[in-house]
């Protein structure tokens, strides 16, 4: 299996983390979004959306979108709850991550870290919604050690990717002690450094 990803992207790293955690053999192909490597004809032939992460399976089939990829990779593993309701709760968090967390926390981080914008120059909506997302996580993580109960699932993988670096987008995790503790637990459970 080949994983095309950019190491600056939490969406790409979560694919790498799941593959490594599950001890799946893969080749990591560093593919920079900053230099246009996802816009080359060769890459667009594999993924017409021109986005990473992208995996190419051993049989040549390609799959994009980080949460679809990690779900595919983790089928049958302990990262996916067996209980149908808990599995649905995991998916609920994964869908929420892409709609209500990543577009704010990750975008603020990208603009500050890679575009050099000061925090004051960020759109107020980014900052407000990012804070709301972290507050939502805080509420949940005051009730359970992981997002879906007592053990790590793909929901935690999906959400830890950008939460762990939220400070790079100007978000102070000290304001969210349950989130900060969960980041440490999730990193330890997955072997993330």
N, C-alpha and C. Protein backbone atom coordinates (compact mmCIF):
# COMPACT_ATOMS: atom_id res chain seq x y z
N UNK A 1 0.84 -1.18 0.00
CA UNK A 1 0.00 0.00 0.00
C UNK A 1 0.89 1.24 0.00
N UNK A 2 0.46 2.22 -0.77
CA UNK A 2 1.15 3.51 -0.80
C UNK A 2 0.24 4.56 -0.18
N UNK A 3 0.80 5.38 0.70
CA UNK A 3 0.07 6.50 1.30
C UNK A 3 0.73 7.77 0.81
N UNK A 4 -0.04 8.56 0.08
CA UNK A 4 0.42 9.88 -0.35
C UNK A 4 -0.07 10.86 0.70
N UNK A 5 0.86 11.58 1.31
CA UNK A 5 0.46 12.50 2.36
C UNK A 5 1.48 13.59 2.57
N UNK A 6 1.01 14.67 3.18
CA UNK A 6 1.86 15.79 3.53
C UNK A 6 1.99 15.80 5.05
N UNK A 7 3.19 15.72 5.55
CA UNK A 7 3.42 15.61 6.99
C UNK A 7 2.98 16.84 7.78
N UNK A 8 2.66 17.94 7.12
CA UNK A 8 2.14 19.11 7.85
C UNK A 8 0.64 18.98 8.09
N UNK A 9 0.01 17.99 7.50
CA UNK A 9 -1.44 17.83 7.55
C UNK A 9 -1.88 16.79 8.57
N UNK A 10 -2.71 17.23 9.52
CA UNK A 10 -3.29 16.28 10.47
C UNK A 10 -4.12 15.23 9.78
N UNK A 11 -4.81 15.60 8.71
CA UNK A 11 -5.62 14.63 7.97
C UNK A 11 -4.75 13.52 7.40
N UNK A 12 -3.57 13.87 6.94
CA UNK A 12 -2.64 12.86 6.41
C UNK A 12 -2.02 12.04 7.54
N UNK A 13 -1.66 12.71 8.62
CA UNK A 13 -1.01 12.00 9.72
C UNK A 13 -1.93 10.97 10.34
N UNK A 14 -3.23 11.24 10.41
CA UNK A 14 -4.11 10.24 11.03
C UNK A 14 -4.13 8.95 10.22
N UNK A 15 -3.98 9.03 8.91
CA UNK A 15 -3.89 7.82 8.09
C UNK A 15 -2.60 7.07 8.41
N UNK A 16 -1.51 7.81 8.49
CA UNK A 16 -0.22 7.20 8.83
C UNK A 16 -0.26 6.55 10.21
N UNK A 17 -0.87 7.25 11.18
CA UNK A 17 -0.94 6.72 12.55
C UNK A 17 -1.74 5.42 12.60
N UNK A 18 -2.88 5.38 11.90
CA UNK A 18 -3.71 4.17 11.93
C UNK A 18 -2.96 3.01 11.27
N UNK A 19 -2.36 3.26 10.13
CA UNK A 19 -1.61 2.19 9.45
C UNK A 19 -0.48 1.68 10.34
N UNK A 20 0.25 2.59 10.98
CA UNK A 20 1.35 2.18 11.85
C UNK A 20 0.83 1.44 13.09
N UNK A 21 -0.23 1.97 13.69
CA UNK A 21 -0.80 1.35 14.89
C UNK A 21 -1.26 -0.08 14.61
N UNK A 22 -1.83 -0.29 13.43
CA UNK A 22 -2.34 -1.61 13.06
C UNK A 22 -1.26 -2.49 12.42
N UNK A 23 -0.06 -1.94 12.32
CA UNK A 23 1.10 -2.65 11.74
C UNK A 23 0.83 -3.09 10.30
N UNK A 24 0.20 -2.21 9.56
CA UNK A 24 -0.03 -2.47 8.14
C UNK A 24 1.18 -2.01 7.35
N UNK A 25 1.69 -2.81 6.45
CA UNK A 25 2.85 -2.37 5.67
C UNK A 25 2.44 -1.29 4.67
N UNK A 26 3.23 -0.23 4.60
CA UNK A 26 2.93 0.85 3.67
C UNK A 26 4.20 1.62 3.33
N UNK A 27 4.14 2.26 2.18
CA UNK A 27 5.17 3.22 1.78
C UNK A 27 4.56 4.60 1.89
N UNK A 28 5.21 5.49 2.62
CA UNK A 28 4.76 6.87 2.77
C UNK A 28 5.40 7.68 1.65
N UNK A 29 4.59 8.35 0.87
CA UNK A 29 5.09 9.19 -0.22
C UNK A 29 4.75 10.63 0.13
N UNK A 30 5.78 11.35 0.56
CA UNK A 30 5.59 12.75 0.95
C UNK A 30 5.14 13.54 -0.27
N UNK A 31 3.99 14.21 -0.13
CA UNK A 31 3.37 14.91 -1.25
C UNK A 31 2.97 16.30 -0.76
N UNK A 32 3.76 17.30 -1.08
CA UNK A 32 3.57 18.64 -0.54
C UNK A 32 2.39 19.37 -1.20
N UNK A 33 1.51 19.86 -0.34
CA UNK A 33 0.43 20.71 -0.86
C UNK A 33 0.94 22.12 -1.11
N UNK A 34 1.99 22.51 -0.40
CA UNK A 34 2.51 23.88 -0.54
C UNK A 34 3.25 24.10 -1.85
N UNK A 35 3.78 23.03 -2.44
CA UNK A 35 4.53 23.18 -3.69
C UNK A 35 3.76 22.68 -4.91
N UNK A 36 2.49 22.32 -4.71
CA UNK A 36 1.65 21.94 -5.84
C UNK A 36 1.78 20.50 -6.29
N UNK A 37 2.37 19.64 -5.48
CA UNK A 37 2.54 18.24 -5.89
C UNK A 37 1.21 17.50 -6.05
N UNK A 38 0.14 18.02 -5.45
CA UNK A 38 -1.18 17.37 -5.60
C UNK A 38 -1.91 17.86 -6.86
N UNK A 39 -1.27 18.73 -7.61
CA UNK A 39 -1.89 19.28 -8.82
C UNK A 39 -1.20 18.82 -10.10
N UNK A 40 -0.28 17.88 -9.97
CA UNK A 40 0.41 17.37 -11.15
C UNK A 40 -0.53 16.42 -11.91
N UNK A 41 -0.33 16.27 -13.22
CA UNK A 41 -1.18 15.33 -13.97
C UNK A 41 -1.13 13.90 -13.41
N UNK A 42 0.04 13.47 -12.96
CA UNK A 42 0.17 12.11 -12.43
C UNK A 42 -0.67 11.95 -11.15
N UNK A 43 -0.62 12.94 -10.28
CA UNK A 43 -1.40 12.84 -9.04
C UNK A 43 -2.88 12.96 -9.34
N UNK A 44 -3.26 13.90 -10.20
CA UNK A 44 -4.68 14.08 -10.53
C UNK A 44 -5.27 12.85 -11.21
N UNK A 45 -4.45 12.06 -11.87
CA UNK A 45 -4.93 10.82 -12.47
C UNK A 45 -5.33 9.82 -11.38
N UNK A 46 -4.67 9.90 -10.23
CA UNK A 46 -5.02 9.01 -9.11
C UNK A 46 -6.18 9.57 -8.29
N UNK A 47 -6.17 10.90 -8.09
CA UNK A 47 -7.21 11.56 -7.30
C UNK A 47 -7.58 12.88 -7.99
N UNK A 48 -8.64 12.87 -8.79
CA UNK A 48 -9.04 14.08 -9.51
C UNK A 48 -9.35 15.27 -8.61
N UNK A 49 -9.62 15.03 -7.31
CA UNK A 49 -9.85 16.13 -6.37
C UNK A 49 -8.56 16.86 -6.02
N UNK A 50 -7.43 16.24 -6.32
CA UNK A 50 -6.14 16.89 -6.06
C UNK A 50 -5.86 17.11 -4.59
N UNK A 51 -6.23 16.14 -3.76
CA UNK A 51 -6.05 16.28 -2.31
C UNK A 51 -5.31 15.09 -1.74
N UNK A 52 -4.61 15.34 -0.65
CA UNK A 52 -4.06 14.29 0.18
C UNK A 52 -4.80 14.34 1.51
N UNK A 53 -4.89 13.20 2.19
CA UNK A 53 -4.25 11.93 1.91
C UNK A 53 -4.95 11.15 0.80
N UNK A 54 -4.17 10.26 0.24
CA UNK A 54 -4.65 9.32 -0.76
C UNK A 54 -3.91 8.02 -0.52
N UNK A 55 -4.64 6.90 -0.53
CA UNK A 55 -3.95 5.62 -0.48
C UNK A 55 -4.20 4.90 -1.80
N UNK A 56 -3.19 4.16 -2.21
CA UNK A 56 -3.33 3.26 -3.34
C UNK A 56 -3.08 1.87 -2.79
N UNK A 57 -4.12 1.06 -2.83
CA UNK A 57 -4.04 -0.29 -2.28
C UNK A 57 -3.16 -1.18 -3.16
N UNK A 58 -2.79 -2.33 -2.63
CA UNK A 58 -1.92 -3.25 -3.35
C UNK A 58 -2.50 -3.65 -4.70
N UNK A 59 -3.83 -3.68 -4.81
CA UNK A 59 -4.47 -4.06 -6.08
C UNK A 59 -4.65 -2.88 -7.03
N UNK A 60 -4.14 -1.70 -6.64
CA UNK A 60 -4.18 -0.53 -7.52
C UNK A 60 -5.36 0.41 -7.30
N UNK A 61 -6.34 0.00 -6.50
CA UNK A 61 -7.47 0.89 -6.24
C UNK A 61 -7.05 2.02 -5.32
N UNK A 62 -7.56 3.23 -5.62
CA UNK A 62 -7.23 4.42 -4.83
C UNK A 62 -8.42 4.79 -3.95
N UNK A 63 -8.11 5.37 -2.78
CA UNK A 63 -9.14 5.85 -1.86
C UNK A 63 -8.67 7.14 -1.24
N UNK A 64 -9.54 8.14 -1.24
CA UNK A 64 -9.22 9.45 -0.68
C UNK A 64 -10.14 9.74 0.51
N UNK A 65 -9.91 10.89 1.13
CA UNK A 65 -10.64 11.39 2.29
C UNK A 65 -10.19 10.64 3.55
N UNK A 66 -9.56 11.37 4.44
CA UNK A 66 -8.90 10.77 5.60
C UNK A 66 -9.79 9.85 6.42
N UNK A 67 -11.00 10.28 6.73
CA UNK A 67 -11.84 9.45 7.59
C UNK A 67 -12.34 8.20 6.87
N UNK A 68 -12.57 8.28 5.56
CA UNK A 68 -12.92 7.09 4.79
C UNK A 68 -11.74 6.12 4.78
N UNK A 69 -10.55 6.66 4.63
CA UNK A 69 -9.35 5.81 4.60
C UNK A 69 -9.14 5.10 5.93
N UNK A 70 -9.21 5.85 7.04
CA UNK A 70 -8.94 5.19 8.32
C UNK A 70 -10.03 4.19 8.66
N UNK A 71 -11.25 4.45 8.24
CA UNK A 71 -12.33 3.47 8.46
C UNK A 71 -12.03 2.20 7.68
N UNK A 72 -11.60 2.35 6.45
CA UNK A 72 -11.25 1.19 5.62
C UNK A 72 -10.10 0.40 6.24
N UNK A 73 -9.06 1.11 6.64
CA UNK A 73 -7.87 0.44 7.19
C UNK A 73 -8.18 -0.29 8.50
N UNK A 74 -9.07 0.26 9.30
CA UNK A 74 -9.31 -0.26 10.65
C UNK A 74 -10.44 -1.29 10.74
N UNK A 75 -11.10 -1.60 9.62
CA UNK A 75 -12.19 -2.58 9.67
C UNK A 75 -11.72 -3.86 10.37
N UNK A 76 -12.53 -4.30 11.34
CA UNK A 76 -12.21 -5.53 12.07
C UNK A 76 -11.23 -5.35 13.21
N UNK A 77 -10.77 -4.13 13.45
CA UNK A 77 -9.80 -3.89 14.52
C UNK A 77 -10.51 -3.32 15.76
N UNK A 78 -9.77 -3.23 16.84
CA UNK A 78 -10.30 -2.67 18.08
C UNK A 78 -10.54 -1.17 18.00
N UNK A 79 -10.08 -0.53 16.94
CA UNK A 79 -10.32 0.92 16.79
C UNK A 79 -11.76 1.23 16.39
N UNK A 80 -12.51 0.20 16.01
CA UNK A 80 -13.92 0.36 15.64
C UNK A 80 -14.76 -0.46 16.61
N UNK A 81 -15.64 0.18 17.36
CA UNK A 81 -16.46 -0.58 18.32
C UNK A 81 -17.32 -1.63 17.63
N UNK A 82 -17.47 -2.76 18.29
CA UNK A 82 -18.34 -3.82 17.77
C UNK A 82 -19.81 -3.48 17.95
N UNK A 83 -20.13 -2.81 19.07
CA UNK A 83 -21.51 -2.45 19.35
C UNK A 83 -22.00 -1.45 18.29
N UNK A 84 -23.14 -1.72 17.63
CA UNK A 84 -23.63 -0.84 16.56
C UNK A 84 -23.85 0.60 17.00
N UNK A 85 -24.36 0.81 18.22
CA UNK A 85 -24.59 2.17 18.69
C UNK A 85 -23.27 2.89 18.91
N UNK A 86 -22.31 2.21 19.54
CA UNK A 86 -21.00 2.83 19.77
C UNK A 86 -20.29 3.11 18.45
N UNK A 87 -20.45 2.21 17.48
CA UNK A 87 -19.88 2.46 16.14
C UNK A 87 -20.50 3.71 15.53
N UNK A 88 -21.82 3.85 15.67
CA UNK A 88 -22.50 5.04 15.15
C UNK A 88 -22.04 6.29 15.88
N UNK A 89 -21.80 6.22 17.19
CA UNK A 89 -21.29 7.38 17.93
C UNK A 89 -19.89 7.75 17.43
N UNK A 90 -19.08 6.73 17.14
CA UNK A 90 -17.75 6.99 16.59
C UNK A 90 -17.88 7.75 15.27
N UNK A 91 -18.77 7.28 14.40
CA UNK A 91 -18.98 7.95 13.11
C UNK A 91 -19.54 9.35 13.30
N UNK A 92 -20.41 9.52 14.28
CA UNK A 92 -20.95 10.85 14.58
C UNK A 92 -19.82 11.83 14.86
N UNK A 93 -18.87 11.43 15.70
CA UNK A 93 -17.73 12.29 16.01
C UNK A 93 -16.86 12.53 14.77
N UNK A 94 -16.68 11.50 13.95
CA UNK A 94 -15.85 11.65 12.75
C UNK A 94 -16.48 12.61 11.75
N UNK A 95 -17.80 12.53 11.58
CA UNK A 95 -18.48 13.47 10.69
C UNK A 95 -18.41 14.88 11.27
N UNK A 96 -18.61 15.00 12.57
CA UNK A 96 -18.55 16.30 13.25
C UNK A 96 -17.16 16.92 13.09
N UNK A 97 -16.14 16.08 13.18
CA UNK A 97 -14.77 16.57 13.05
C UNK A 97 -14.55 17.29 11.72
N UNK A 98 -15.04 16.72 10.66
CA UNK A 98 -14.81 17.32 9.34
C UNK A 98 -15.70 18.53 9.08
N UNK A 99 -16.77 18.68 9.82
CA UNK A 99 -17.69 19.80 9.58
C UNK A 99 -17.55 20.91 10.62
N UNK A 100 -17.29 20.56 11.87
CA UNK A 100 -17.35 21.55 12.95
C UNK A 100 -16.03 21.76 13.69
N UNK A 101 -15.01 21.02 13.36
CA UNK A 101 -13.72 21.16 14.05
C UNK A 101 -12.61 21.51 13.06
N UNK A 102 -12.32 20.63 12.13
CA UNK A 102 -11.22 20.80 11.18
C UNK A 102 -11.31 22.11 10.40
N UNK A 103 -12.50 22.52 9.91
CA UNK A 103 -12.55 23.76 9.12
C UNK A 103 -12.18 25.01 9.91
N UNK A 104 -12.13 24.91 11.21
CA UNK A 104 -11.83 26.08 12.04
C UNK A 104 -10.47 25.94 12.72
N UNK A 105 -10.26 24.87 13.46
CA UNK A 105 -8.99 24.69 14.18
C UNK A 105 -7.84 24.51 13.19
N UNK A 106 -8.04 23.65 12.20
CA UNK A 106 -6.96 23.39 11.23
C UNK A 106 -6.70 24.59 10.33
N UNK A 107 -7.76 25.27 9.93
CA UNK A 107 -7.58 26.43 9.05
C UNK A 107 -6.89 27.57 9.78
N UNK A 108 -7.26 27.81 11.04
CA UNK A 108 -6.57 28.84 11.83
C UNK A 108 -5.08 28.49 11.95
N UNK A 109 -4.80 27.22 12.20
CA UNK A 109 -3.41 26.76 12.31
C UNK A 109 -2.67 27.00 11.00
N UNK A 110 -3.26 26.60 9.89
CA UNK A 110 -2.61 26.76 8.59
C UNK A 110 -2.32 28.23 8.30
N UNK A 111 -3.29 29.07 8.57
CA UNK A 111 -3.10 30.49 8.27
C UNK A 111 -2.02 31.12 9.13
N UNK A 112 -1.96 30.73 10.39
CA UNK A 112 -0.93 31.30 11.26
C UNK A 112 0.45 30.68 10.99
N UNK A 113 0.49 29.36 10.94
CA UNK A 113 1.78 28.67 10.87
C UNK A 113 2.41 28.72 9.48
N UNK A 114 1.60 28.57 8.44
CA UNK A 114 2.14 28.45 7.08
C UNK A 114 1.95 29.70 6.23
N UNK A 115 0.96 30.52 6.57
CA UNK A 115 0.78 31.77 5.82
C UNK A 115 1.29 32.98 6.60
N UNK A 116 1.68 32.76 7.86
CA UNK A 116 2.28 33.82 8.66
C UNK A 116 1.31 34.89 9.16
N UNK A 117 0.04 34.60 9.19
CA UNK A 117 -0.93 35.58 9.68
C UNK A 117 -0.86 35.67 11.20
N UNK A 118 -0.94 36.87 11.73
CA UNK A 118 -1.05 36.98 13.19
C UNK A 118 -2.47 36.59 13.62
N UNK A 119 -2.60 36.19 14.85
CA UNK A 119 -3.90 35.77 15.39
C UNK A 119 -4.98 36.84 15.15
N UNK A 120 -4.60 38.09 15.31
CA UNK A 120 -5.55 39.21 15.16
C UNK A 120 -6.08 39.33 13.74
N UNK A 121 -5.35 38.80 12.78
CA UNK A 121 -5.77 38.90 11.37
C UNK A 121 -6.69 37.76 10.94
N UNK A 122 -6.87 36.76 11.81
CA UNK A 122 -7.76 35.66 11.47
C UNK A 122 -9.21 36.13 11.47
N UNK A 123 -10.00 35.53 10.60
CA UNK A 123 -11.42 35.82 10.57
C UNK A 123 -12.02 35.47 11.93
N UNK A 124 -12.81 36.36 12.49
CA UNK A 124 -13.39 36.16 13.82
C UNK A 124 -14.17 34.85 13.90
N UNK A 125 -14.83 34.48 12.82
CA UNK A 125 -15.62 33.25 12.78
C UNK A 125 -14.74 32.01 13.00
N UNK A 126 -13.53 32.01 12.43
CA UNK A 126 -12.60 30.89 12.63
C UNK A 126 -12.27 30.71 14.11
N UNK A 127 -11.95 31.81 14.74
CA UNK A 127 -11.56 31.78 16.14
C UNK A 127 -12.74 31.36 17.02
N UNK A 128 -13.90 31.93 16.75
CA UNK A 128 -15.09 31.62 17.54
C UNK A 128 -15.49 30.15 17.39
N UNK A 129 -15.57 29.70 16.16
CA UNK A 129 -16.00 28.31 15.93
C UNK A 129 -14.95 27.30 16.40
N UNK A 130 -13.68 27.64 16.27
CA UNK A 130 -12.64 26.76 16.80
C UNK A 130 -12.76 26.63 18.31
N UNK A 131 -13.00 27.73 18.98
CA UNK A 131 -13.20 27.69 20.43
C UNK A 131 -14.43 26.89 20.80
N UNK A 132 -15.50 27.02 20.03
CA UNK A 132 -16.71 26.24 20.29
C UNK A 132 -16.45 24.74 20.12
N UNK A 133 -15.66 24.39 19.12
CA UNK A 133 -15.34 22.98 18.90
C UNK A 133 -14.55 22.41 20.08
N UNK A 134 -13.57 23.16 20.54
CA UNK A 134 -12.77 22.70 21.68
C UNK A 134 -13.62 22.62 22.95
N UNK A 135 -14.56 23.55 23.12
CA UNK A 135 -15.47 23.51 24.27
C UNK A 135 -16.37 22.28 24.20
N UNK A 136 -16.81 21.92 22.99
CA UNK A 136 -17.64 20.72 22.83
C UNK A 136 -16.86 19.47 23.21
N UNK A 137 -15.61 19.40 22.79
CA UNK A 137 -14.75 18.27 23.19
C UNK A 137 -14.56 18.25 24.70
N UNK A 138 -14.33 19.41 25.29
CA UNK A 138 -14.13 19.49 26.74
C UNK A 138 -15.33 18.92 27.49
N UNK A 139 -16.53 19.28 27.06
CA UNK A 139 -17.74 18.78 27.71
C UNK A 139 -17.81 17.26 27.66
N UNK A 140 -17.54 16.69 26.49
CA UNK A 140 -17.58 15.24 26.36
C UNK A 140 -16.50 14.56 27.18
N UNK A 141 -15.31 15.11 27.14
CA UNK A 141 -14.17 14.45 27.78
C UNK A 141 -14.15 14.64 29.30
N UNK A 142 -15.03 15.44 29.81
CA UNK A 142 -15.25 15.49 31.25
C UNK A 142 -16.09 14.29 31.71
N UNK A 143 -16.73 13.62 30.74
CA UNK A 143 -17.62 12.50 31.04
C UNK A 143 -17.00 11.13 30.78
N UNK A 144 -16.01 11.06 29.91
CA UNK A 144 -15.41 9.77 29.56
C UNK A 144 -13.96 9.99 29.14
N UNK A 145 -13.11 8.98 29.33
CA UNK A 145 -11.69 9.16 28.99
C UNK A 145 -11.42 9.30 27.49
N UNK A 146 -12.29 8.70 26.68
CA UNK A 146 -12.17 8.82 25.23
C UNK A 146 -13.52 9.26 24.69
N UNK A 147 -13.59 9.60 23.43
CA UNK A 147 -14.83 10.17 22.90
C UNK A 147 -15.99 9.19 22.88
N UNK A 148 -15.67 7.90 22.74
CA UNK A 148 -16.72 6.88 22.76
C UNK A 148 -16.40 5.89 23.87
N UNK A 149 -16.39 6.37 25.10
CA UNK A 149 -16.24 5.48 26.24
C UNK A 149 -14.85 5.32 26.78
N UNK A 150 -14.51 4.08 27.05
CA UNK A 150 -13.33 3.75 27.84
C UNK A 150 -12.08 3.44 27.04
N UNK A 151 -12.20 3.37 25.71
CA UNK A 151 -11.01 3.03 24.93
C UNK A 151 -10.94 3.87 23.66
N UNK A 152 -9.75 3.94 23.12
CA UNK A 152 -9.51 4.74 21.92
C UNK A 152 -10.23 4.12 20.71
N UNK A 153 -10.83 5.00 19.90
CA UNK A 153 -11.47 4.59 18.64
C UNK A 153 -11.01 5.53 17.54
N UNK A 154 -11.51 5.28 16.34
CA UNK A 154 -11.19 6.18 15.23
C UNK A 154 -11.67 7.60 15.48
N UNK A 155 -12.69 7.78 16.32
CA UNK A 155 -13.14 9.13 16.65
C UNK A 155 -12.00 9.91 17.30
N UNK A 156 -11.28 9.26 18.20
CA UNK A 156 -10.15 9.92 18.87
C UNK A 156 -9.02 10.21 17.89
N UNK A 157 -8.76 9.27 16.99
CA UNK A 157 -7.73 9.48 15.98
C UNK A 157 -8.08 10.71 15.13
N UNK A 158 -9.32 10.74 14.66
CA UNK A 158 -9.75 11.83 13.79
C UNK A 158 -9.62 13.18 14.48
N UNK A 159 -10.00 13.24 15.74
CA UNK A 159 -10.03 14.53 16.42
C UNK A 159 -8.71 14.94 17.07
N UNK A 160 -7.87 13.99 17.40
CA UNK A 160 -6.61 14.37 18.03
C UNK A 160 -5.65 14.99 17.01
N UNK A 161 -5.83 14.68 15.75
CA UNK A 161 -4.88 15.13 14.72
C UNK A 161 -4.66 16.64 14.75
N UNK A 162 -5.73 17.41 14.75
CA UNK A 162 -5.57 18.86 14.79
C UNK A 162 -5.70 19.44 16.19
N UNK A 163 -6.37 18.73 17.10
CA UNK A 163 -6.50 19.24 18.46
C UNK A 163 -5.14 19.33 19.13
N UNK A 164 -4.29 18.35 18.91
CA UNK A 164 -2.98 18.31 19.57
C UNK A 164 -2.08 19.48 19.16
N UNK A 165 -2.37 20.09 18.01
CA UNK A 165 -1.58 21.23 17.53
C UNK A 165 -2.42 22.50 17.45
N UNK A 166 -3.52 22.51 18.18
CA UNK A 166 -4.42 23.68 18.15
C UNK A 166 -3.71 24.95 18.60
N UNK A 167 -2.73 24.83 19.47
CA UNK A 167 -1.98 26.01 19.92
C UNK A 167 -1.30 26.73 18.75
N UNK A 168 -0.98 25.98 17.68
CA UNK A 168 -0.35 26.59 16.52
C UNK A 168 -1.34 27.46 15.74
N UNK A 169 -2.61 27.34 16.07
CA UNK A 169 -3.66 28.19 15.51
C UNK A 169 -4.14 29.22 16.50
N UNK A 170 -3.41 29.37 17.61
CA UNK A 170 -3.75 30.38 18.60
C UNK A 170 -4.75 29.93 19.65
N UNK A 171 -5.05 28.64 19.72
CA UNK A 171 -5.98 28.13 20.72
C UNK A 171 -5.19 27.60 21.91
N UNK A 172 -5.53 28.04 23.11
CA UNK A 172 -4.81 27.66 24.32
C UNK A 172 -5.47 26.44 24.95
N UNK A 173 -4.84 25.29 24.84
CA UNK A 173 -5.41 24.07 25.39
C UNK A 173 -5.43 24.06 26.91
N UNK A 174 -4.70 24.96 27.55
CA UNK A 174 -4.78 25.07 29.01
C UNK A 174 -6.19 25.44 29.45
N UNK A 175 -6.96 26.05 28.56
CA UNK A 175 -8.36 26.40 28.87
C UNK A 175 -9.27 25.19 28.83
N UNK A 176 -8.75 24.07 28.33
CA UNK A 176 -9.54 22.85 28.16
C UNK A 176 -8.78 21.68 28.78
N UNK A 177 -8.76 21.60 30.12
CA UNK A 177 -7.92 20.58 30.78
C UNK A 177 -8.31 19.14 30.45
N UNK A 178 -9.59 18.86 30.27
CA UNK A 178 -9.99 17.49 29.92
C UNK A 178 -9.51 17.15 28.52
N UNK A 179 -9.55 18.11 27.62
CA UNK A 179 -9.05 17.90 26.25
C UNK A 179 -7.55 17.66 26.29
N UNK A 180 -6.85 18.48 27.05
CA UNK A 180 -5.39 18.34 27.13
C UNK A 180 -5.00 16.96 27.66
N UNK A 181 -5.70 16.48 28.69
CA UNK A 181 -5.42 15.16 29.24
C UNK A 181 -5.74 14.06 28.23
N UNK A 182 -6.85 14.23 27.50
CA UNK A 182 -7.25 13.27 26.47
C UNK A 182 -6.22 13.19 25.35
N UNK A 183 -5.66 14.34 24.95
CA UNK A 183 -4.61 14.33 23.92
C UNK A 183 -3.48 13.41 24.36
N UNK A 184 -3.04 13.55 25.60
CA UNK A 184 -1.97 12.70 26.11
C UNK A 184 -2.35 11.22 26.12
N UNK A 185 -3.57 10.91 26.57
CA UNK A 185 -4.02 9.52 26.58
C UNK A 185 -4.10 8.94 25.17
N UNK A 186 -4.60 9.74 24.25
CA UNK A 186 -4.76 9.25 22.87
C UNK A 186 -3.39 9.06 22.20
N UNK A 187 -2.50 10.01 22.41
CA UNK A 187 -1.14 9.86 21.86
C UNK A 187 -0.48 8.60 22.41
N UNK A 188 -0.64 8.36 23.71
CA UNK A 188 -0.05 7.16 24.32
C UNK A 188 -0.67 5.89 23.78
N UNK A 189 -2.00 5.87 23.63
CA UNK A 189 -2.69 4.68 23.14
C UNK A 189 -2.29 4.34 21.70
N UNK A 190 -2.01 5.37 20.92
CA UNK A 190 -1.68 5.16 19.50
C UNK A 190 -0.17 5.12 19.25
N UNK A 191 0.63 5.46 20.25
CA UNK A 191 2.07 5.50 20.06
C UNK A 191 2.52 6.70 19.24
N UNK A 192 1.76 7.80 19.33
CA UNK A 192 2.10 9.03 18.60
C UNK A 192 3.11 9.83 19.40
N UNK A 193 4.13 10.29 18.71
CA UNK A 193 5.16 11.11 19.37
C UNK A 193 4.89 12.57 19.06
